[in-house]
């Protein structure tokens, strides 16, 4: 169960980072950027469910351009 929770959290974190990047590109309001950044920081600072028994996968981002 902890592995599933860690995987879900990692997917959620990657999705938030993509949404933040898209919001930045479309020049979203500072309130929207701050809210997304706050959510990202909460997930990044949360302790892992299984205290490091699983190495999280790397979130690969593709540059747009």
PDB file of N, CA and C in Angstrom:
ATOM      1  N   UNK A   1       0.823  -1.195   0.000  1.00  0.00           N
ATOM      2  CA  UNK A   1       0.000   0.000   0.000  1.00  0.00           C
ATOM      3  C   UNK A   1       0.867   1.259   0.000  1.00  0.00           C
ATOM      4  N   UNK A   2       1.970   1.265   0.731  1.00  0.00           N
ATOM      5  CA  UNK A   2       2.834   2.433   0.775  1.00  0.00           C
ATOM      6  C   UNK A   2       3.458   2.723  -0.576  1.00  0.00           C
ATOM      7  N   UNK A   3       3.789   1.667  -1.322  1.00  0.00           N
ATOM      8  CA  UNK A   3       4.364   1.858  -2.645  1.00  0.00           C
ATOM      9  C   UNK A   3       3.355   2.558  -3.553  1.00  0.00           C
ATOM     10  N   UNK A   4       2.102   2.151  -3.457  1.00  0.00           N
ATOM     11  CA  UNK A   4       1.052   2.773  -4.260  1.00  0.00           C
ATOM     12  C   UNK A   4       0.903   4.242  -3.881  1.00  0.00           C
ATOM     13  N   UNK A   5       0.910   4.545  -2.593  1.00  0.00           N
ATOM     14  CA  UNK A   5       0.780   5.928  -2.121  1.00  0.00           C
ATOM     15  C   UNK A   5       1.950   6.777  -2.617  1.00  0.00           C
ATOM     16  N   UNK A   6       3.164   6.251  -2.531  1.00  0.00           N
ATOM     17  CA  UNK A   6       4.331   6.984  -3.013  1.00  0.00           C
ATOM     18  C   UNK A   6       4.237   7.243  -4.515  1.00  0.00           C
ATOM     19  N   UNK A   7       3.806   6.228  -5.248  1.00  0.00           N
ATOM     20  CA  UNK A   7       3.679   6.376  -6.703  1.00  0.00           C
ATOM     21  C   UNK A   7       2.617   7.426  -7.039  1.00  0.00           C
ATOM     22  N   UNK A   8       1.491   7.378  -6.357  1.00  0.00           N
ATOM     23  CA  UNK A   8       0.431   8.368  -6.590  1.00  0.00           C
ATOM     24  C   UNK A   8       0.905   9.778  -6.255  1.00  0.00           C
ATOM     25  N   UNK A   9       1.627   9.916  -5.153  1.00  0.00           N
ATOM     26  CA  UNK A   9       2.155  11.230  -4.773  1.00  0.00           C
ATOM     27  C   UNK A   9       3.147  11.742  -5.810  1.00  0.00           C
ATOM     28  N   UNK A  10       3.973  10.832  -6.330  1.00  0.00           N
ATOM     29  CA  UNK A  10       4.959  11.237  -7.325  1.00  0.00           C
ATOM     30  C   UNK A  10       4.263  11.670  -8.626  1.00  0.00           C
ATOM     31  N   UNK A  11       3.259  10.937  -9.035  1.00  0.00           N
ATOM     32  CA  UNK A  11       2.499  11.298 -10.235  1.00  0.00           C
ATOM     33  C   UNK A  11       1.819  12.644 -10.030  1.00  0.00           C
ATOM     34  N   UNK A  12       1.242  12.837  -8.859  1.00  0.00           N
ATOM     35  CA  UNK A  12       0.580  14.107  -8.537  1.00  0.00           C
ATOM     36  C   UNK A  12       1.598  15.261  -8.579  1.00  0.00           C
ATOM     37  N   UNK A  13       2.786  15.036  -8.048  1.00  0.00           N
ATOM     38  CA  UNK A  13       3.826  16.061  -8.042  1.00  0.00           C
ATOM     39  C   UNK A  13       4.257  16.411  -9.467  1.00  0.00           C
ATOM     40  N   UNK A  14       4.460  15.412 -10.294  1.00  0.00           N
ATOM     41  CA  UNK A  14       4.844  15.663 -11.688  1.00  0.00           C
ATOM     42  C   UNK A  14       3.748  16.434 -12.421  1.00  0.00           C
ATOM     43  N   UNK A  15       2.504  16.065 -12.186  1.00  0.00           N
ATOM     44  CA  UNK A  15       1.384  16.747 -12.836  1.00  0.00           C
ATOM     45  C   UNK A  15       1.312  18.214 -12.399  1.00  0.00           C
ATOM     46  N   UNK A  16       1.531  18.457 -11.113  1.00  0.00           N
ATOM     47  CA  UNK A  16       1.522  19.838 -10.620  1.00  0.00           C
ATOM     48  C   UNK A  16       2.642  20.657 -11.247  1.00  0.00           C
ATOM     49  N   UNK A  17       3.812  20.045 -11.417  1.00  0.00           N
ATOM     50  CA  UNK A  17       4.935  20.753 -12.038  1.00  0.00           C
ATOM     51  C   UNK A  17       4.631  21.098 -13.493  1.00  0.00           C
ATOM     52  N   UNK A  18       3.982  20.198 -14.192  1.00  0.00           N
ATOM     53  CA  UNK A  18       3.582  20.468 -15.582  1.00  0.00           C
ATOM     54  C   UNK A  18       2.568  21.603 -15.617  1.00  0.00           C
ATOM     55  N   UNK A  19       1.566  21.547 -14.723  1.00  0.00           N
ATOM     56  CA  UNK A  19       0.555  22.608 -14.670  1.00  0.00           C
ATOM     57  C   UNK A  19       1.192  23.959 -14.340  1.00  0.00           C
ATOM     58  N   UNK A  20       2.175  23.963 -13.432  1.00  0.00           N
ATOM     59  CA  UNK A  20       2.861  25.205 -13.082  1.00  0.00           C
ATOM     60  C   UNK A  20       3.602  25.758 -14.299  1.00  0.00           C
ATOM     61  N   UNK A  21       4.322  24.883 -15.003  1.00  0.00           N
ATOM     62  CA  UNK A  21       5.076  25.304 -16.184  1.00  0.00           C
ATOM     63  C   UNK A  21       4.138  25.880 -17.258  1.00  0.00           C
ATOM     64  N   UNK A  22       3.004  25.210 -17.468  1.00  0.00           N
ATOM     65  CA  UNK A  22       2.030  25.701 -18.450  1.00  0.00           C
ATOM     66  C   UNK A  22       1.440  27.046 -18.020  1.00  0.00           C
ATOM     67  N   UNK A  23       1.165  27.186 -16.737  1.00  0.00           N
ATOM     68  CA  UNK A  23       0.631  28.451 -16.225  1.00  0.00           C
ATOM     69  C   UNK A  23       1.655  29.573 -16.390  1.00  0.00           C
ATOM     70  N   UNK A  24       2.921  29.253 -16.158  1.00  0.00           N
ATOM     71  CA  UNK A  24       3.987  30.241 -16.305  1.00  0.00           C
ATOM     72  C   UNK A  24       4.086  30.699 -17.763  1.00  0.00           C
ATOM     73  N   UNK A  25       4.017  29.736 -18.686  1.00  0.00           N
ATOM     74  CA  UNK A  25       4.126  30.051 -20.113  1.00  0.00           C
ATOM     75  C   UNK A  25       2.972  30.942 -20.570  1.00  0.00           C
ATOM     76  N   UNK A  26       1.767  30.670 -20.085  1.00  0.00           N
ATOM     77  CA  UNK A  26       0.625  31.486 -20.502  1.00  0.00           C
ATOM     78  C   UNK A  26       0.458  32.732 -19.637  1.00  0.00           C
ATOM     79  N   UNK A  27       1.446  32.999 -18.821  1.00  0.00           N
ATOM     80  CA  UNK A  27       1.497  34.196 -17.981  1.00  0.00           C
ATOM     81  C   UNK A  27       0.266  34.317 -17.090  1.00  0.00           C
ATOM     82  N   UNK A  28       0.027  33.262 -16.321  1.00  0.00           N
ATOM     83  CA  UNK A  28      -1.091  33.230 -15.388  1.00  0.00           C
ATOM     84  C   UNK A  28      -0.874  34.257 -14.273  1.00  0.00           C
ATOM     85  N   UNK A  29      -1.924  34.490 -13.530  1.00  0.00           N
ATOM     86  CA  UNK A  29      -1.844  35.464 -12.435  1.00  0.00           C
ATOM     87  C   UNK A  29      -0.894  34.957 -11.344  1.00  0.00           C
ATOM     88  N   UNK A  30      -0.383  35.892 -10.587  1.00  0.00           N
ATOM     89  CA  UNK A  30       0.533  35.525  -9.509  1.00  0.00           C
ATOM     90  C   UNK A  30      -0.169  34.676  -8.454  1.00  0.00           C
ATOM     91  N   UNK A  31      -1.465  34.879  -8.273  1.00  0.00           N
ATOM     92  CA  UNK A  31      -2.226  34.081  -7.303  1.00  0.00           C
ATOM     93  C   UNK A  31      -2.278  32.610  -7.733  1.00  0.00           C
ATOM     94  N   UNK A  32      -2.524  32.387  -9.024  1.00  0.00           N
ATOM     95  CA  UNK A  32      -2.580  31.015  -9.520  1.00  0.00           C
ATOM     96  C   UNK A  32      -1.212  30.346  -9.424  1.00  0.00           C
ATOM     97  N   UNK A  33      -0.157  31.067  -9.800  1.00  0.00           N
ATOM     98  CA  UNK A  33       1.194  30.516  -9.707  1.00  0.00           C
ATOM     99  C   UNK A  33       1.558  30.214  -8.246  1.00  0.00           C
ATOM    100  N   UNK A  34       1.194  31.101  -7.347  1.00  0.00           N
ATOM    101  CA  UNK A  34       1.490  30.897  -5.930  1.00  0.00           C
ATOM    102  C   UNK A  34       0.754  29.676  -5.377  1.00  0.00           C
ATOM    103  N   UNK A  35      -0.487  29.492  -5.783  1.00  0.00           N
ATOM    104  CA  UNK A  35      -1.264  28.342  -5.316  1.00  0.00           C
ATOM    105  C   UNK A  35      -0.649  27.034  -5.815  1.00  0.00           C
ATOM    106  N   UNK A  36      -0.266  27.006  -7.090  1.00  0.00           N
ATOM    107  CA  UNK A  36       0.367  25.796  -7.632  1.00  0.00           C
ATOM    108  C   UNK A  36       1.701  25.525  -6.935  1.00  0.00           C
ATOM    109  N   UNK A  37       2.486  26.572  -6.742  1.00  0.00           N
ATOM    110  CA  UNK A  37       3.781  26.417  -6.089  1.00  0.00           C
ATOM    111  C   UNK A  37       3.614  25.935  -4.648  1.00  0.00           C
ATOM    112  N   UNK A  38       2.605  26.436  -3.964  1.00  0.00           N
ATOM    113  CA  UNK A  38       2.328  26.011  -2.598  1.00  0.00           C
ATOM    114  C   UNK A  38       1.992  24.511  -2.554  1.00  0.00           C
ATOM    115  N   UNK A  39       1.172  24.060  -3.505  1.00  0.00           N
ATOM    116  CA  UNK A  39       0.829  22.633  -3.570  1.00  0.00           C
ATOM    117  C   UNK A  39       2.061  21.778  -3.859  1.00  0.00           C
ATOM    118  N   UNK A  40       2.927  22.267  -4.742  1.00  0.00           N
ATOM    119  CA  UNK A  40       4.160  21.539  -5.070  1.00  0.00           C
ATOM    120  C   UNK A  40       5.038  21.420  -3.833  1.00  0.00           C
ATOM    121  N   UNK A  41       5.193  22.522  -3.118  1.00  0.00           N
ATOM    122  CA  UNK A  41       6.046  22.510  -1.925  1.00  0.00           C
ATOM    123  C   UNK A  41       5.495  21.587  -0.845  1.00  0.00           C
ATOM    124  N   UNK A  42       4.182  21.523  -0.700  1.00  0.00           N
ATOM    125  CA  UNK A  42       3.576  20.621   0.286  1.00  0.00           C
ATOM    126  C   UNK A  42       3.910  19.163  -0.033  1.00  0.00           C
ATOM    127  N   UNK A  43       3.788  18.805  -1.307  1.00  0.00           N
ATOM    128  CA  UNK A  43       4.081  17.422  -1.699  1.00  0.00           C
ATOM    129  C   UNK A  43       5.566  17.104  -1.564  1.00  0.00           C
ATOM    130  N   UNK A  44       6.414  18.064  -1.922  1.00  0.00           N
ATOM    131  CA  UNK A  44       7.857  17.830  -1.840  1.00  0.00           C
ATOM    132  C   UNK A  44       8.335  17.701  -0.398  1.00  0.00           C
ATOM    133  N   UNK A  45       7.684  18.392   0.516  1.00  0.00           N
ATOM    134  CA  UNK A  45       8.131  18.363   1.904  1.00  0.00           C
ATOM    135  C   UNK A  45       7.466  17.258   2.726  1.00  0.00           C
ATOM    136  N   UNK A  46       6.463  16.602   2.158  1.00  0.00           N
ATOM    137  CA  UNK A  46       5.779  15.525   2.879  1.00  0.00           C
ATOM    138  C   UNK A  46       6.703  14.314   3.005  1.00  0.00           C
ATOM    139  N   UNK A  47       6.746  13.691   4.176  1.00  0.00           N
ATOM    140  CA  UNK A  47       7.582  12.495   4.324  1.00  0.00           C
ATOM    141  C   UNK A  47       7.004  11.345   3.505  1.00  0.00           C
ATOM    142  N   UNK A  48       7.874  10.523   2.913  1.00  0.00           N
ATOM    143  CA  UNK A  48       7.377   9.387   2.136  1.00  0.00           C
ATOM    144  C   UNK A  48       6.630   8.404   3.024  1.00  0.00           C
ATOM    145  N   UNK A  49       5.670   7.714   2.442  1.00  0.00           N
ATOM    146  CA  UNK A  49       4.824   6.795   3.204  1.00  0.00           C
ATOM    147  C   UNK A  49       5.609   5.618   3.775  1.00  0.00           C
ATOM    148  N   UNK A  50       6.669   5.195   3.087  1.00  0.00           N
ATOM    149  CA  UNK A  50       7.406   4.028   3.573  1.00  0.00           C
ATOM    150  C   UNK A  50       8.835   4.372   3.984  1.00  0.00           C
ATOM    151  N   UNK A  51       9.093   5.638   4.269  1.00  0.00           N
ATOM    152  CA  UNK A  51      10.368   6.109   4.813  1.00  0.00           C
ATOM    153  C   UNK A  51      11.579   5.663   4.001  1.00  0.00           C
ATOM    154  N   UNK A  52      11.495   5.753   2.698  1.00  0.00           N
ATOM    155  CA  UNK A  52      12.662   5.527   1.864  1.00  0.00           C
ATOM    156  C   UNK A  52      12.917   4.109   1.407  1.00  0.00           C
ATOM    157  N   UNK A  53      11.976   3.212   1.539  1.00  0.00           N
ATOM    158  CA  UNK A  53      12.192   1.851   1.077  1.00  0.00           C
ATOM    159  C   UNK A  53      12.154   1.736  -0.440  1.00  0.00           C
ATOM    160  N   UNK A  54      11.584   2.727  -1.105  1.00  0.00           N
ATOM    161  CA  UNK A  54      11.474   2.702  -2.559  1.00  0.00           C
ATOM    162  C   UNK A  54      12.078   3.978  -3.116  1.00  0.00           C
ATOM    163  N   UNK A  55      12.912   3.841  -4.130  1.00  0.00           N
ATOM    164  CA  UNK A  55      13.466   5.002  -4.787  1.00  0.00           C
ATOM    165  C   UNK A  55      12.433   5.549  -5.761  1.00  0.00           C
ATOM    166  N   UNK A  56      12.048   6.811  -5.619  1.00  0.00           N
ATOM    167  CA  UNK A  56      11.021   7.353  -6.507  1.00  0.00           C
ATOM    168  C   UNK A  56      11.557   7.495  -7.928  1.00  0.00           C
ATOM    169  N   UNK A  57      10.703   7.307  -8.922  1.00  0.00           N
ATOM    170  CA  UNK A  57      11.142   7.476 -10.300  1.00  0.00           C
ATOM    171  C   UNK A  57      11.425   8.942 -10.594  1.00  0.00           C
ATOM    172  N   UNK A  58      12.220   9.186 -11.597  1.00  0.00           N
ATOM    173  CA  UNK A  58      12.576  10.547 -11.975  1.00  0.00           C
ATOM    174  C   UNK A  58      11.483  11.128 -12.857  1.00  0.00           C
ATOM    175  N   UNK A  59      11.075  12.331 -12.553  1.00  0.00           N
ATOM    176  CA  UNK A  59      10.056  13.010 -13.341  1.00  0.00           C
ATOM    177  C   UNK A  59      10.745  13.641 -14.547  1.00  0.00           C
ATOM    178  N   UNK A  60      10.449  13.142 -15.718  1.00  0.00           N
ATOM    179  CA  UNK A  60      11.067  13.621 -16.938  1.00  0.00           C
ATOM    180  C   UNK A  60      10.197  14.710 -17.539  1.00  0.00           C
ATOM    181  N   UNK A  61      10.805  15.841 -17.777  1.00  0.00           N
ATOM    182  CA  UNK A  61      10.061  16.930 -18.411  1.00  0.00           C
ATOM    183  C   UNK A  61      10.603  17.137 -19.805  1.00  0.00           C
ATOM    184  N   UNK A  62       9.718  17.428 -20.712  1.00  0.00           N
ATOM    185  CA  UNK A  62      10.102  17.674 -22.094  1.00  0.00           C
ATOM    186  C   UNK A  62       9.996  19.173 -22.340  1.00  0.00           C
ATOM    187  N   UNK A  63      11.065  19.737 -22.867  1.00  0.00           N
ATOM    188  CA  UNK A  63      11.034  21.175 -23.135  1.00  0.00           C
ATOM    189  C   UNK A  63      10.148  21.468 -24.318  1.00  0.00           C
ATOM    190  N   UNK A  64       9.431  22.565 -24.193  1.00  0.00           N
ATOM    191  CA  UNK A  64       8.552  22.978 -25.281  1.00  0.00           C
ATOM    192  C   UNK A  64       9.280  24.068 -26.062  1.00  0.00           C
ATOM    193  N   UNK A  65       9.210  23.973 -27.360  1.00  0.00           N
ATOM    194  CA  UNK A  65       9.875  25.031 -28.082  1.00  0.00           C
ATOM    195  C   UNK A  65      10.025  24.752 -29.474  1.00  0.00           C
TER     196      UNK A  65
END
